[in-house]
Amino acid sequence: MTDPNVPPPERPEVVHHTTINNPAPQRSGGGGFIGFLIGGLVVVVIIIGVVLLTRGGEIDTPKPTDVDINLNLPDAPKMPDLPNPPPVEPPSVPSPEPAPAPVG
């Protein structure tokens, strides 16, 4: 324990400040593979288009066919007539009356 009658030691007037900068971790590219993949797909689509469009000139169209179909189908069965519904009177509704006045 220190003696309370002794004055505290002198402190230096110079104050040192320390600043610590933590930069964010550098992100890696990663987009190169996606670009390569999309570029490869575009090349494949172009090759398929060239092969399909230049395969020996015009595309042969099939000769028109003339087909005549006549079918004799039987008529659909007729639905039976519905019976007449019984007469129904509309319900009777009492006429509204004014609400009673509050007491008080």
PDB file of N, CA and C in Angstrom:
ATOM      1  N   MET A   1       0.823  -1.154   0.000  1.00  0.00           N
ATOM      2  CA  MET A   1       0.000   0.000   0.000  1.00  0.00           C
ATOM      3  C   MET A   1       0.885   1.241   0.000  1.00  0.00           C
ATOM      4  N   THR A   2       0.406   2.289  -0.624  1.00  0.00           N
ATOM      5  CA  THR A   2       1.214   3.514  -0.681  1.00  0.00           C
ATOM      6  C   THR A   2       0.850   4.451   0.459  1.00  0.00           C
ATOM      7  N   ASP A   3       1.773   5.272   0.757  1.00  0.00           N
ATOM      8  CA  ASP A   3       1.571   6.230   1.840  1.00  0.00           C
ATOM      9  C   ASP A   3       0.692   7.371   1.332  1.00  0.00           C
ATOM     10  N   PRO A   4      -0.432   7.668   2.012  1.00  0.00           N
ATOM     11  CA  PRO A   4      -1.309   8.735   1.536  1.00  0.00           C
ATOM     12  C   PRO A   4      -0.690  10.109   1.709  1.00  0.00           C
ATOM     13  N   ASN A   5       0.363  10.244   2.475  1.00  0.00           N
ATOM     14  CA  ASN A   5       0.987  11.543   2.682  1.00  0.00           C
ATOM     15  C   ASN A   5       2.006  11.869   1.592  1.00  0.00           C
ATOM     16  N   VAL A   6       2.343  10.926   0.731  1.00  0.00           N
ATOM     17  CA  VAL A   6       3.323  11.148  -0.332  1.00  0.00           C
ATOM     18  C   VAL A   6       2.555  11.675  -1.544  1.00  0.00           C
ATOM     19  N   PRO A   7       3.027  12.738  -2.166  1.00  0.00           N
ATOM     20  CA  PRO A   7       2.321  13.230  -3.356  1.00  0.00           C
ATOM     21  C   PRO A   7       2.455  12.236  -4.505  1.00  0.00           C
ATOM     22  N   PRO A   8       1.478  12.221  -5.375  1.00  0.00           N
ATOM     23  CA  PRO A   8       1.551  11.264  -6.501  1.00  0.00           C
ATOM     24  C   PRO A   8       2.689  11.624  -7.435  1.00  0.00           C
ATOM     25  N   PRO A   9       3.198  10.646  -8.168  1.00  0.00           N
ATOM     26  CA  PRO A   9       4.306  10.932  -9.075  1.00  0.00           C
ATOM     27  C   PRO A   9       3.839  11.851 -10.202  1.00  0.00           C
ATOM     28  N   GLU A  10       4.763  12.597 -10.744  1.00  0.00           N
ATOM     29  CA  GLU A  10       4.444  13.540 -11.829  1.00  0.00           C
ATOM     30  C   GLU A  10       4.141  12.744 -13.102  1.00  0.00           C
ATOM     31  N   ARG A  11       3.143  13.226 -13.783  1.00  0.00           N
ATOM     32  CA  ARG A  11       2.781  12.582 -15.062  1.00  0.00           C
ATOM     33  C   ARG A  11       3.307  13.435 -16.199  1.00  0.00           C
ATOM     34  N   PRO A  12       3.752  12.822 -17.266  1.00  0.00           N
ATOM     35  CA  PRO A  12       4.266  13.621 -18.383  1.00  0.00           C
ATOM     36  C   PRO A  12       3.115  14.359 -19.074  1.00  0.00           C
ATOM     37  N   GLU A  13       3.436  15.522 -19.626  1.00  0.00           N
ATOM     38  CA  GLU A  13       2.422  16.328 -20.296  1.00  0.00           C
ATOM     39  C   GLU A  13       2.135  15.828 -21.708  1.00  0.00           C
ATOM     40  N   VAL A  14       2.945  14.969 -22.257  1.00  0.00           N
ATOM     41  CA  VAL A  14       2.757  14.480 -23.616  1.00  0.00           C
ATOM     42  C   VAL A  14       1.777  13.306 -23.588  1.00  0.00           C
ATOM     43  N   VAL A  15       0.755  13.416 -24.408  1.00  0.00           N
ATOM     44  CA  VAL A  15      -0.234  12.336 -24.505  1.00  0.00           C
ATOM     45  C   VAL A  15      -0.090  11.717 -25.892  1.00  0.00           C
ATOM     46  N   HIS A  16       0.061  10.450 -25.921  1.00  0.00           N
ATOM     47  CA  HIS A  16       0.207   9.755 -27.193  1.00  0.00           C
ATOM     48  C   HIS A  16      -1.145   9.149 -27.590  1.00  0.00           C
ATOM     49  N   HIS A  17      -1.530   9.380 -28.846  1.00  0.00           N
ATOM     50  CA  HIS A  17      -2.754   8.788 -29.378  1.00  0.00           C
ATOM     51  C   HIS A  17      -2.374   7.751 -30.422  1.00  0.00           C
ATOM     52  N   THR A  18      -3.058   6.661 -30.394  1.00  0.00           N
ATOM     53  CA  THR A  18      -2.804   5.594 -31.366  1.00  0.00           C
ATOM     54  C   THR A  18      -4.077   5.355 -32.156  1.00  0.00           C
ATOM     55  N   THR A  19      -3.971   5.397 -33.460  1.00  0.00           N
ATOM     56  CA  THR A  19      -5.109   5.123 -34.338  1.00  0.00           C
ATOM     57  C   THR A  19      -4.859   3.804 -35.045  1.00  0.00           C
ATOM     58  N   ILE A  20      -5.822   2.924 -34.947  1.00  0.00           N
ATOM     59  CA  ILE A  20      -5.699   1.621 -35.587  1.00  0.00           C
ATOM     60  C   ILE A  20      -6.721   1.557 -36.714  1.00  0.00           C
ATOM     61  N   ASN A  21      -6.240   1.379 -37.905  1.00  0.00           N
ATOM     62  CA  ASN A  21      -7.128   1.244 -39.069  1.00  0.00           C
ATOM     63  C   ASN A  21      -7.187  -0.219 -39.449  1.00  0.00           C
ATOM     64  N   ASN A  22      -8.384  -0.775 -39.452  1.00  0.00           N
ATOM     65  CA  ASN A  22      -8.584  -2.152 -39.882  1.00  0.00           C
ATOM     66  C   ASN A  22      -9.308  -2.125 -41.220  1.00  0.00           C
ATOM     67  N   PRO A  23      -8.589  -2.192 -42.311  1.00  0.00           N
ATOM     68  CA  PRO A  23      -9.274  -2.169 -43.609  1.00  0.00           C
ATOM     69  C   PRO A  23     -10.068  -3.457 -43.811  1.00  0.00           C
ATOM     70  N   ALA A  24     -11.148  -3.322 -44.555  1.00  0.00           N
ATOM     71  CA  ALA A  24     -11.974  -4.495 -44.854  1.00  0.00           C
ATOM     72  C   ALA A  24     -11.161  -5.470 -45.690  1.00  0.00           C
ATOM     73  N   PRO A  25     -11.410  -6.757 -45.515  1.00  0.00           N
ATOM     74  CA  PRO A  25     -10.659  -7.727 -46.322  1.00  0.00           C
ATOM     75  C   PRO A  25     -10.979  -7.543 -47.799  1.00  0.00           C
ATOM     76  N   GLN A  26      -9.961  -7.637 -48.619  1.00  0.00           N
ATOM     77  CA  GLN A  26     -10.139  -7.428 -50.041  1.00  0.00           C
ATOM     78  C   GLN A  26     -10.924  -8.595 -50.634  1.00  0.00           C
ATOM     79  N   ARG A  27     -11.968  -8.226 -51.381  1.00  0.00           N
ATOM     80  CA  ARG A  27     -12.803  -9.266 -51.997  1.00  0.00           C
ATOM     81  C   ARG A  27     -12.121  -9.767 -53.261  1.00  0.00           C
ATOM     82  N   SER A  28     -12.183 -11.054 -53.436  1.00  0.00           N
ATOM     83  CA  SER A  28     -11.596 -11.613 -54.650  1.00  0.00           C
ATOM     84  C   SER A  28     -12.593 -11.472 -55.788  1.00  0.00           C
ATOM     85  N   GLY A  29     -12.112 -11.535 -57.013  1.00  0.00           N
ATOM     86  CA  GLY A  29     -12.950 -11.330 -58.200  1.00  0.00           C
ATOM     87  C   GLY A  29     -14.115 -12.297 -58.251  1.00  0.00           C
ATOM     88  N   GLY A  30     -13.892 -13.502 -58.636  1.00  0.00           N
ATOM     89  CA  GLY A  30     -14.946 -14.500 -58.677  1.00  0.00           C
ATOM     90  C   GLY A  30     -15.855 -14.367 -59.880  1.00  0.00           C
ATOM     91  N   GLY A  31     -15.901 -13.203 -60.511  1.00  0.00           N
ATOM     92  CA  GLY A  31     -16.777 -12.995 -61.664  1.00  0.00           C
ATOM     93  C   GLY A  31     -16.158 -13.499 -62.947  1.00  0.00           C
ATOM     94  N   GLY A  32     -14.898 -13.853 -62.932  1.00  0.00           N
ATOM     95  CA  GLY A  32     -14.237 -14.328 -64.140  1.00  0.00           C
ATOM     96  C   GLY A  32     -14.806 -15.641 -64.624  1.00  0.00           C
ATOM     97  N   PHE A  33     -15.114 -16.532 -63.716  1.00  0.00           N
ATOM     98  CA  PHE A  33     -15.659 -17.829 -64.120  1.00  0.00           C
ATOM     99  C   PHE A  33     -17.046 -17.670 -64.721  1.00  0.00           C
ATOM    100  N   ILE A  34     -17.866 -16.810 -64.119  1.00  0.00           N
ATOM    101  CA  ILE A  34     -19.226 -16.600 -64.649  1.00  0.00           C
ATOM    102  C   ILE A  34     -19.149 -16.004 -66.050  1.00  0.00           C
ATOM    103  N   GLY A  35     -18.249 -15.045 -66.262  1.00  0.00           N
ATOM    104  CA  GLY A  35     -18.086 -14.460 -67.593  1.00  0.00           C
ATOM    105  C   GLY A  35     -17.628 -15.501 -68.606  1.00  0.00           C
ATOM    106  N   PHE A  36     -16.689 -16.339 -68.198  1.00  0.00           N
ATOM    107  CA  PHE A  36     -16.216 -17.402 -69.082  1.00  0.00           C
ATOM    108  C   PHE A  36     -17.337 -18.370 -69.432  1.00  0.00           C
ATOM    109  N   LEU A  37     -18.164 -18.721 -68.442  1.00  0.00           N
ATOM    110  CA  LEU A  37     -19.267 -19.643 -68.670  1.00  0.00           C
ATOM    111  C   LEU A  37     -20.311 -19.042 -69.611  1.00  0.00           C
ATOM    112  N   ILE A  38     -20.687 -17.797 -69.400  1.00  0.00           N
ATOM    113  CA  ILE A  38     -21.680 -17.147 -70.271  1.00  0.00           C
ATOM    114  C   ILE A  38     -21.124 -16.980 -71.678  1.00  0.00           C
ATOM    115  N   GLY A  39     -19.844 -16.608 -71.794  1.00  0.00           N
ATOM    116  CA  GLY A  39     -19.230 -16.499 -73.116  1.00  0.00           C
ATOM    117  C   GLY A  39     -19.232 -17.822 -73.853  1.00  0.00           C
ATOM    118  N   GLY A  40     -18.942 -18.908 -73.137  1.00  0.00           N
ATOM    119  CA  GLY A  40     -18.976 -20.231 -73.768  1.00  0.00           C
ATOM    120  C   GLY A  40     -20.366 -20.603 -74.240  1.00  0.00           C
ATOM    121  N   LEU A  41     -21.379 -20.273 -73.448  1.00  0.00           N
ATOM    122  CA  LEU A  41     -22.762 -20.561 -73.863  1.00  0.00           C
ATOM    123  C   LEU A  41     -23.145 -19.751 -75.095  1.00  0.00           C
ATOM    124  N   VAL A  42     -22.719 -18.504 -75.164  1.00  0.00           N
ATOM    125  CA  VAL A  42     -23.018 -17.678 -76.347  1.00  0.00           C
ATOM    126  C   VAL A  42     -22.363 -18.287 -77.586  1.00  0.00           C
ATOM    127  N   VAL A  43     -21.134 -18.744 -77.463  1.00  0.00           N
ATOM    128  CA  VAL A  43     -20.446 -19.367 -78.604  1.00  0.00           C
ATOM    129  C   VAL A  43     -21.179 -20.630 -79.048  1.00  0.00           C
ATOM    130  N   VAL A  44     -21.621 -21.443 -78.105  1.00  0.00           N
ATOM    131  CA  VAL A  44     -22.347 -22.671 -78.455  1.00  0.00           C
ATOM    132  C   VAL A  44     -23.649 -22.336 -79.173  1.00  0.00           C
ATOM    133  N   VAL A  45     -24.384 -21.332 -78.712  1.00  0.00           N
ATOM    134  CA  VAL A  45     -25.644 -20.947 -79.368  1.00  0.00           C
ATOM    135  C   VAL A  45     -25.382 -20.436 -80.778  1.00  0.00           C
ATOM    136  N   ILE A  46     -24.303 -19.678 -80.966  1.00  0.00           N
ATOM    137  CA  ILE A  46     -23.973 -19.183 -82.310  1.00  0.00           C
ATOM    138  C   ILE A  46     -23.620 -20.346 -83.229  1.00  0.00           C
ATOM    139  N   ILE A  47     -22.857 -21.308 -82.746  1.00  0.00           N
ATOM    140  CA  ILE A  47     -22.497 -22.467 -83.576  1.00  0.00           C
ATOM    141  C   ILE A  47     -23.742 -23.253 -83.962  1.00  0.00           C
ATOM    142  N   ILE A  48     -24.653 -23.475 -83.021  1.00  0.00           N
ATOM    143  CA  ILE A  48     -25.891 -24.208 -83.335  1.00  0.00           C
ATOM    144  C   ILE A  48     -26.703 -23.434 -84.365  1.00  0.00           C
ATOM    145  N   GLY A  49     -26.798 -22.121 -84.229  1.00  0.00           N
ATOM    146  CA  GLY A  49     -27.547 -21.321 -85.202  1.00  0.00           C
ATOM    147  C   GLY A  49     -26.942 -21.391 -86.582  1.00  0.00           C
ATOM    148  N   VAL A  50     -25.623 -21.309 -86.689  1.00  0.00           N
ATOM    149  CA  VAL A  50     -24.969 -21.387 -87.995  1.00  0.00           C
ATOM    150  C   VAL A  50     -25.209 -22.759 -88.621  1.00  0.00           C
ATOM    151  N   VAL A  51     -25.111 -23.817 -87.854  1.00  0.00           N
ATOM    152  CA  VAL A  51     -25.306 -25.165 -88.388  1.00  0.00           C
ATOM    153  C   VAL A  51     -26.741 -25.348 -88.867  1.00  0.00           C
ATOM    154  N   LEU A  52     -27.709 -24.855 -88.103  1.00  0.00           N
ATOM    155  CA  LEU A  52     -29.112 -25.039 -88.486  1.00  0.00           C
ATOM    156  C   LEU A  52     -29.496 -24.176 -89.684  1.00  0.00           C
ATOM    157  N   LEU A  53     -28.946 -22.971 -89.783  1.00  0.00           N
ATOM    158  CA  LEU A  53     -29.349 -22.079 -90.862  1.00  0.00           C
ATOM    159  C   LEU A  53     -28.592 -22.316 -92.165  1.00  0.00           C
ATOM    160  N   THR A  54     -27.474 -23.008 -92.134  1.00  0.00           N
ATOM    161  CA  THR A  54     -26.693 -23.222 -93.364  1.00  0.00           C
ATOM    162  C   THR A  54     -26.557 -24.703 -93.680  1.00  0.00           C
ATOM    163  N   ARG A  55     -27.580 -25.452 -93.483  1.00  0.00           N
ATOM    164  CA  ARG A  55     -27.477 -26.903 -93.716  1.00  0.00           C
ATOM    165  C   ARG A  55     -27.953 -27.281 -95.120  1.00  0.00           C
ATOM    166  N   GLY A  56     -27.432 -26.662 -96.130  1.00  0.00           N
ATOM    167  CA  GLY A  56     -27.738 -27.066 -97.493  1.00  0.00           C
ATOM    168  C   GLY A  56     -28.767 -26.179 -98.167  1.00  0.00           C
ATOM    169  N   GLY A  57     -28.872 -24.952 -97.841  1.00  0.00           N
ATOM    170  CA  GLY A  57     -29.787 -24.055 -98.555  1.00  0.00           C
ATOM    171  C   GLY A  57     -31.162 -23.999 -97.923  1.00  0.00           C
ATOM    172  N   GLU A  58     -32.178 -23.991 -98.808  1.00  0.00           N
ATOM    173  CA  GLU A  58     -33.548 -23.822 -98.332  1.00  0.00           C
ATOM    174  C   GLU A  58     -34.056 -25.069 -97.616  1.00  0.00           C
ATOM    175  N   ILE A  59     -35.016 -24.837 -96.794  1.00  0.00           N
ATOM    176  CA  ILE A  59     -35.635 -25.940 -96.067  1.00  0.00           C
ATOM    177  C   ILE A  59     -36.771 -26.472 -96.923  1.00  0.00           C
ATOM    178  N   ASP A  60     -36.781 -27.797 -97.126  1.00  0.00           N
ATOM    179  CA  ASP A  60     -37.847 -28.411 -97.925  1.00  0.00           C
ATOM    180  C   ASP A  60     -39.156 -28.339 -97.161  1.00  0.00           C
ATOM    181  N   THR A  61     -40.186 -27.859 -97.838  1.00  0.00           N
ATOM    182  CA  THR A  61     -41.515 -27.817 -97.222  1.00  0.00           C
ATOM    183  C   THR A  61     -42.273 -29.064 -97.642  1.00  0.00           C
ATOM    184  N   PRO A  62     -43.030 -29.643 -96.769  1.00  0.00           N
ATOM    185  CA  PRO A  62     -43.767 -30.857 -97.151  1.00  0.00           C
ATOM    186  C   PRO A  62     -44.873 -30.521 -98.150  1.00  0.00           C
ATOM    187  N   LYS A  63     -45.228 -31.523 -98.952  1.00  0.00           N
ATOM    188  CA  LYS A  63     -46.297 -31.343 -99.928  1.00  0.00           C
ATOM    189  C   LYS A  63     -47.622 -31.233 -99.189  1.00  0.00           C
ATOM    190  N   PRO A  64     -48.512 -30.366 -99.691  1.00  0.00           N
ATOM    191  CA  PRO A  64     -49.809 -30.232 -99.008  1.00  0.00           C
ATOM    192  C   PRO A  64     -50.623 -31.526 -99.154  1.00  0.00           C
ATOM    193  N   THR A  65     -51.299 -31.865 -98.102  1.00  0.00           N
ATOM    194  CA  THR A  65     -52.144 -33.055 -98.133  1.00  0.00           C
ATOM    195  C   THR A  65     -53.594 -32.611 -98.045  1.00  0.00           C
ATOM    196  N   ASP A  66     -54.448 -33.293 -98.792  1.00  0.00           N
ATOM    197  CA  ASP A  66     -55.873 -32.976 -98.797  1.00  0.00           C
ATOM    198  C   ASP A  66     -56.594 -34.158 -98.166  1.00  0.00           C
ATOM    199  N   VAL A  67     -57.111 -33.966 -96.985  1.00  0.00           N
ATOM    200  CA  VAL A  67     -57.784 -35.022 -96.252  1.00  0.00           C
ATOM    201  C   VAL A  67     -59.227 -34.603 -96.057  1.00  0.00           C
ATOM    202  N   ASP A  68     -60.153 -35.502 -96.409  1.00  0.00           N
ATOM    203  CA  ASP A  68     -61.581 -35.232 -96.243  1.00  0.00           C
ATOM    204  C   ASP A  68     -62.126 -36.269 -95.269  1.00  0.00           C
ATOM    205  N   ILE A  69     -62.587 -35.799 -94.135  1.00  0.00           N
ATOM    206  CA  ILE A  69     -63.113 -36.702 -93.116  1.00  0.00           C
ATOM    207  C   ILE A  69     -64.591 -36.403 -92.929  1.00  0.00           C
ATOM    208  N   ASN A  70     -65.407 -37.404 -93.148  1.00  0.00           N
ATOM    209  CA  ASN A  70     -66.851 -37.290 -92.912  1.00  0.00           C
ATOM    210  C   ASN A  70     -67.238 -38.367 -91.917  1.00  0.00           C
ATOM    211  N   LEU A  71     -67.752 -37.947 -90.797  1.00  0.00           N
ATOM    212  CA  LEU A  71     -68.181 -38.895 -89.783  1.00  0.00           C
ATOM    213  C   LEU A  71     -69.662 -38.703 -89.527  1.00  0.00           C
ATOM    214  N   ASN A  72     -70.369 -39.780 -89.423  1.00  0.00           N
ATOM    215  CA  ASN A  72     -71.781 -39.736 -89.066  1.00  0.00           C
ATOM    216  C   ASN A  72     -71.888 -40.156 -87.606  1.00  0.00           C
ATOM    217  N   LEU A  73     -72.047 -39.169 -86.757  1.00  0.00           N
ATOM    218  CA  LEU A  73     -72.129 -39.436 -85.333  1.00  0.00           C
ATOM    219  C   LEU A  73     -73.584 -39.407 -84.903  1.00  0.00           C
ATOM    220  N   PRO A  74     -73.950 -40.271 -83.954  1.00  0.00           N
ATOM    221  CA  PRO A  74     -75.323 -40.218 -83.473  1.00  0.00           C
ATOM    222  C   PRO A  74     -75.547 -38.949 -82.650  1.00  0.00           C
ATOM    223  N   ASP A  75     -76.816 -38.516 -82.590  1.00  0.00           N
ATOM    224  CA  ASP A  75     -77.144 -37.332 -81.798  1.00  0.00           C
ATOM    225  C   ASP A  75     -76.980 -37.663 -80.308  1.00  0.00           C
ATOM    226  N   ALA A  76     -76.637 -36.643 -79.556  1.00  0.00           N
ATOM    227  CA  ALA A  76     -76.502 -36.814 -78.117  1.00  0.00           C
ATOM    228  C   ALA A  76     -77.887 -37.043 -77.517  1.00  0.00           C
ATOM    229  N   PRO A  77     -77.966 -37.815 -76.432  1.00  0.00           N
ATOM    230  CA  PRO A  77     -79.289 -38.051 -75.843  1.00  0.00           C
ATOM    231  C   PRO A  77     -79.885 -36.745 -75.304  1.00  0.00           C
ATOM    232  N   LYS A  78     -81.188 -36.638 -75.389  1.00  0.00           N
ATOM    233  CA  LYS A  78     -81.886 -35.442 -74.925  1.00  0.00           C
ATOM    234  C   LYS A  78     -82.055 -35.509 -73.413  1.00  0.00           C
ATOM    235  N   MET A  79     -81.971 -34.354 -72.785  1.00  0.00           N
ATOM    236  CA  MET A  79     -82.197 -34.273 -71.350  1.00  0.00           C
ATOM    237  C   MET A  79     -83.691 -34.272 -71.083  1.00  0.00           C
ATOM    238  N   PRO A  80     -84.111 -34.932 -70.011  1.00  0.00           N
ATOM    239  CA  PRO A  80     -85.546 -34.908 -69.707  1.00  0.00           C
ATOM    240  C   PRO A  80     -85.946 -33.510 -69.221  1.00  0.00           C
ATOM    241  N   ASP A  81     -87.238 -33.199 -69.421  1.00  0.00           N
ATOM    242  CA  ASP A  81     -87.743 -31.908 -68.961  1.00  0.00           C
ATOM    243  C   ASP A  81     -87.758 -31.874 -67.435  1.00  0.00           C
ATOM    244  N   LEU A  82     -87.414 -30.730 -66.866  1.00  0.00           N
ATOM    245  CA  LEU A  82     -87.431 -30.580 -65.420  1.00  0.00           C
ATOM    246  C   LEU A  82     -88.853 -30.336 -64.948  1.00  0.00           C
ATOM    247  N   PRO A  83     -89.187 -30.834 -63.774  1.00  0.00           N
ATOM    248  CA  PRO A  83     -90.531 -30.562 -63.264  1.00  0.00           C
ATOM    249  C   PRO A  83     -90.645 -29.094 -62.838  1.00  0.00           C
ATOM    250  N   ASN A  84     -91.853 -28.579 -62.843  1.00  0.00           N
ATOM    251  CA  ASN A  84     -92.075 -27.199 -62.412  1.00  0.00           C
ATOM    252  C   ASN A  84     -91.883 -27.112 -60.899  1.00  0.00           C
ATOM    253  N   PRO A  85     -91.173 -26.081 -60.420  1.00  0.00           N
ATOM    254  CA  PRO A  85     -90.993 -25.962 -58.973  1.00  0.00           C
ATOM    255  C   PRO A  85     -92.308 -25.535 -58.317  1.00  0.00           C
ATOM    256  N   PRO A  86     -92.522 -25.962 -57.067  1.00  0.00           N
ATOM    257  CA  PRO A  86     -93.760 -25.568 -56.384  1.00  0.00           C
ATOM    258  C   PRO A  86     -93.747 -24.067 -56.111  1.00  0.00           C
ATOM    259  N   PRO A  87     -94.883 -23.440 -56.087  1.00  0.00           N
ATOM    260  CA  PRO A  87     -94.919 -22.000 -55.819  1.00  0.00           C
ATOM    261  C   PRO A  87     -94.521 -21.732 -54.371  1.00  0.00           C
ATOM    262  N   VAL A  88     -93.710 -20.725 -54.172  1.00  0.00           N
ATOM    263  CA  VAL A  88     -93.220 -20.365 -52.844  1.00  0.00           C
ATOM    264  C   VAL A  88     -93.526 -18.891 -52.619  1.00  0.00           C
ATOM    265  N   GLU A  89     -94.164 -18.589 -51.481  1.00  0.00           N
ATOM    266  CA  GLU A  89     -94.438 -17.194 -51.159  1.00  0.00           C
ATOM    267  C   GLU A  89     -93.213 -16.606 -50.483  1.00  0.00           C
ATOM    268  N   PRO A  90     -92.911 -15.346 -50.764  1.00  0.00           N
ATOM    269  CA  PRO A  90     -91.754 -14.740 -50.105  1.00  0.00           C
ATOM    270  C   PRO A  90     -92.022 -14.575 -48.621  1.00  0.00           C
ATOM    271  N   PRO A  91     -90.995 -14.592 -47.807  1.00  0.00           N
ATOM    272  CA  PRO A  91     -91.208 -14.466 -46.364  1.00  0.00           C
ATOM    273  C   PRO A  91     -91.744 -13.074 -46.016  1.00  0.00           C
ATOM    274  N   SER A  92     -92.549 -13.038 -44.957  1.00  0.00           N
ATOM    275  CA  SER A  92     -93.087 -11.747 -44.516  1.00  0.00           C
ATOM    276  C   SER A  92     -92.134 -11.152 -43.483  1.00  0.00           C
ATOM    277  N   VAL A  93     -91.789  -9.892 -43.678  1.00  0.00           N
ATOM    278  CA  VAL A  93     -90.858  -9.201 -42.804  1.00  0.00           C
ATOM    279  C   VAL A  93     -91.634  -8.125 -42.070  1.00  0.00           C
ATOM    280  N   PRO A  94     -91.554  -8.078 -40.723  1.00  0.00           N
ATOM    281  CA  PRO A  94     -92.291  -7.025 -40.004  1.00  0.00           C
ATOM    282  C   PRO A  94     -91.695  -5.659 -40.336  1.00  0.00           C
ATOM    283  N   SER A  95     -92.552  -4.648 -40.322  1.00  0.00           N
ATOM    284  CA  SER A  95     -92.071  -3.301 -40.625  1.00  0.00           C
ATOM    285  C   SER A  95     -91.226  -2.808 -39.452  1.00  0.00           C
ATOM    286  N   PRO A  96     -90.160  -2.082 -39.718  1.00  0.00           N
ATOM    287  CA  PRO A  96     -89.298  -1.613 -38.634  1.00  0.00           C
ATOM    288  C   PRO A  96     -89.967  -0.501 -37.831  1.00  0.00           C
ATOM    289  N   GLU A  97     -89.742  -0.532 -36.552  1.00  0.00           N
ATOM    290  CA  GLU A  97     -90.281   0.492 -35.675  1.00  0.00           C
ATOM    291  C   GLU A  97     -89.125   1.312 -35.136  1.00  0.00           C
ATOM    292  N   PRO A  98     -89.381   2.577 -34.779  1.00  0.00           N
ATOM    293  CA  PRO A  98     -88.273   3.371 -34.242  1.00  0.00           C
ATOM    294  C   PRO A  98     -87.814   2.834 -32.897  1.00  0.00           C
ATOM    295  N   ALA A  99     -86.555   2.994 -32.603  1.00  0.00           N
ATOM    296  CA  ALA A  99     -85.996   2.541 -31.340  1.00  0.00           C
ATOM    297  C   ALA A  99     -86.545   3.383 -30.181  1.00  0.00           C
ATOM    298  N   PRO A 100     -86.732   2.765 -29.047  1.00  0.00           N
ATOM    299  CA  PRO A 100     -87.237   3.556 -27.916  1.00  0.00           C
ATOM    300  C   PRO A 100     -86.200   4.574 -27.451  1.00  0.00           C
ATOM    301  N   ALA A 101     -86.683   5.704 -26.933  1.00  0.00           N
ATOM    302  CA  ALA A 101     -85.797   6.761 -26.441  1.00  0.00           C
ATOM    303  C   ALA A 101     -85.118   6.296 -25.164  1.00  0.00           C
ATOM    304  N   PRO A 102     -83.861   6.629 -24.961  1.00  0.00           N
ATOM    305  CA  PRO A 102     -83.189   6.219 -23.748  1.00  0.00           C
ATOM    306  C   PRO A 102     -83.764   6.946 -22.526  1.00  0.00           C
ATOM    307  N   VAL A 103     -83.858   6.215 -21.459  1.00  0.00           N
ATOM    308  CA  VAL A 103     -84.381   6.784 -20.211  1.00  0.00           C
ATOM    309  C   VAL A 103     -83.187   7.239 -19.397  1.00  0.00           C
ATOM    310  N   GLY A 104     -83.306   8.478 -18.928  1.00  0.00           N
ATOM    311  CA  GLY A 104     -82.241   8.853 -18.057  1.00  0.00           C
ATOM    312  C   GLY A 104     -81.923  10.239 -18.067  1.00  0.00           C
TER     313      GLY A 104
END
